[in-house]
Amino acid sequence: LDQNYYHELDSLAAFLLTYKTIVIEIGGHTDGKGSEAYNLKLAQQRVDACIRYLEKKGISRSRLIGKAYGKCCPLEPETIDGKDNPAARKINRRVEYKILSGG
């Protein structure tokens, strides 16, 4: 887990501590390099790291639903005219969250 993103997780934890009935999905994404199995494992590791961090901040595990998406859902195309696009690959490596219920 990159320390540059702790502040975002801290904000999410504060939100979840305020709204105690909200359940969220934490979705892990990767770029398109590597096999599907590798990317799903990597995505799950990202999800697990976020969940552990939020649990340490006092969020119940029962409110955190993890899902590894792997490389299935890129935000940006990773090749442009057949050429590698490293900036897009970086954007596609991410963790997202969405509210599932509560509030």
Protein backbone atom coordinates (compact mmCIF):
# COMPACT_ATOMS: atom_id res chain seq x y z
CA LEU A 1 0.00 0.00 0.00
CA ASP A 2 1.55 3.28 -1.16
CA GLN A 3 1.83 5.79 1.68
CA ASN A 4 0.82 8.56 -0.72
CA TYR A 5 -2.74 7.24 -0.52
CA TYR A 6 -3.07 6.96 3.25
CA HIS A 7 -4.82 10.35 3.39
CA GLU A 8 -7.53 9.08 1.04
CA LEU A 9 -8.05 5.97 3.15
CA ASP A 10 -8.08 8.15 6.28
CA SER A 11 -10.86 10.25 4.73
CA LEU A 12 -12.79 7.11 3.84
CA ALA A 13 -12.35 5.77 7.38
CA ALA A 14 -13.61 9.05 8.86
CA PHE A 15 -16.65 8.89 6.58
CA LEU A 16 -17.37 5.28 7.58
CA LEU A 17 -16.95 6.09 11.27
CA THR A 18 -19.50 8.88 10.89
CA TYR A 19 -22.00 6.80 8.90
CA LYS A 20 -21.90 3.56 10.82
CA THR A 21 -24.38 1.55 8.73
CA ILE A 22 -22.75 2.02 5.34
CA VAL A 23 -21.27 -1.05 3.66
CA ILE A 24 -18.78 -0.53 0.84
CA GLU A 25 -17.15 -2.61 -1.85
CA ILE A 26 -13.42 -2.14 -2.28
CA GLY A 27 -12.44 -3.13 -5.81
CA GLY A 28 -8.88 -3.83 -6.89
CA HIS A 29 -7.77 -3.23 -10.48
CA THR A 30 -4.55 -3.82 -12.40
CA ASP A 31 -3.10 -2.86 -15.74
CA GLY A 32 -3.29 -5.29 -18.65
CA LYS A 33 0.19 -6.75 -18.36
CA GLY A 34 0.53 -10.27 -17.02
CA SER A 35 -1.80 -13.25 -16.92
CA GLU A 36 -5.36 -13.09 -15.66
CA ALA A 37 -4.43 -15.25 -12.65
CA TYR A 38 -1.50 -12.99 -11.75
CA ASN A 39 -3.59 -9.84 -12.07
CA LEU A 40 -6.45 -11.22 -9.99
CA LYS A 41 -3.98 -12.15 -7.24
CA LEU A 42 -2.36 -8.70 -7.39
CA ALA A 43 -5.75 -6.98 -7.33
CA GLN A 44 -6.75 -9.05 -4.28
CA GLN A 45 -3.53 -8.06 -2.51
CA ARG A 46 -4.39 -4.40 -3.08
CA VAL A 47 -7.89 -4.94 -1.73
CA ASP A 48 -6.61 -6.83 1.31
CA ALA A 49 -4.11 -4.07 2.12
CA CYS A 50 -6.87 -1.44 2.05
CA ILE A 51 -9.17 -3.56 4.19
CA ARG A 52 -6.43 -4.14 6.78
CA TYR A 53 -5.73 -0.40 6.89
CA LEU A 54 -9.41 0.46 7.38
CA GLU A 55 -9.79 -2.19 10.06
CA LYS A 56 -6.87 -0.63 11.95
CA LYS A 57 -8.80 2.65 11.79
CA GLY A 58 -11.77 1.01 13.53
CA ILE A 59 -13.96 -0.05 10.62
CA SER A 60 -15.64 -3.44 11.08
CA ARG A 61 -14.64 -6.06 8.51
CA SER A 62 -18.33 -6.86 8.03
CA ARG A 63 -18.76 -3.45 6.36
CA LEU A 64 -15.95 -3.98 3.85
CA ILE A 65 -16.62 -6.22 0.84
CA GLY A 66 -13.50 -6.90 -1.20
CA LYS A 67 -13.53 -7.73 -4.90
CA ALA A 68 -10.58 -8.35 -7.21
CA TYR A 69 -11.35 -7.18 -10.74
CA GLY A 70 -7.87 -7.63 -12.18
CA LYS A 71 -7.41 -6.22 -15.65
CA CYS A 72 -11.05 -6.46 -16.75
CA CYS A 73 -12.07 -2.82 -16.43
CA PRO A 74 -9.44 -0.36 -17.66
CA LEU A 75 -10.14 3.36 -17.43
CA GLU A 76 -7.70 4.18 -20.24
CA PRO A 77 -6.49 2.30 -23.34
CA GLU A 78 -3.03 0.87 -22.69
CA THR A 79 -1.91 1.11 -26.29
CA ILE A 80 -2.25 4.00 -28.69
CA ASP A 81 -1.80 3.10 -32.36
CA GLY A 82 -0.08 -0.10 -31.25
CA LYS A 83 2.38 1.71 -28.96
CA ASP A 84 2.58 1.14 -25.21
CA ASN A 85 0.98 3.83 -23.07
CA PRO A 86 2.64 3.71 -19.60
CA ALA A 87 0.59 6.64 -18.31
CA ALA A 88 -2.62 4.73 -19.01
CA ARG A 89 -1.28 1.58 -17.36
CA LYS A 90 -0.56 3.65 -14.24
CA ILE A 91 -4.13 5.00 -14.21
CA ASN A 92 -5.54 1.49 -14.59
CA ARG A 93 -3.66 0.26 -11.48
CA ARG A 94 -6.06 1.41 -8.80
CA VAL A 95 -8.43 0.64 -5.96
CA GLU A 96 -11.95 2.01 -6.04
CA TYR A 97 -14.75 1.93 -3.54
CA LYS A 98 -18.49 2.18 -3.89
CA ILE A 99 -21.31 2.29 -1.39
CA LEU A 100 -23.38 -0.90 -1.43
CA SER A 101 -25.90 -0.20 1.33
CA GLY A 102 -26.66 1.78 4.45
CA GLY A 103 -26.67 5.42 5.17
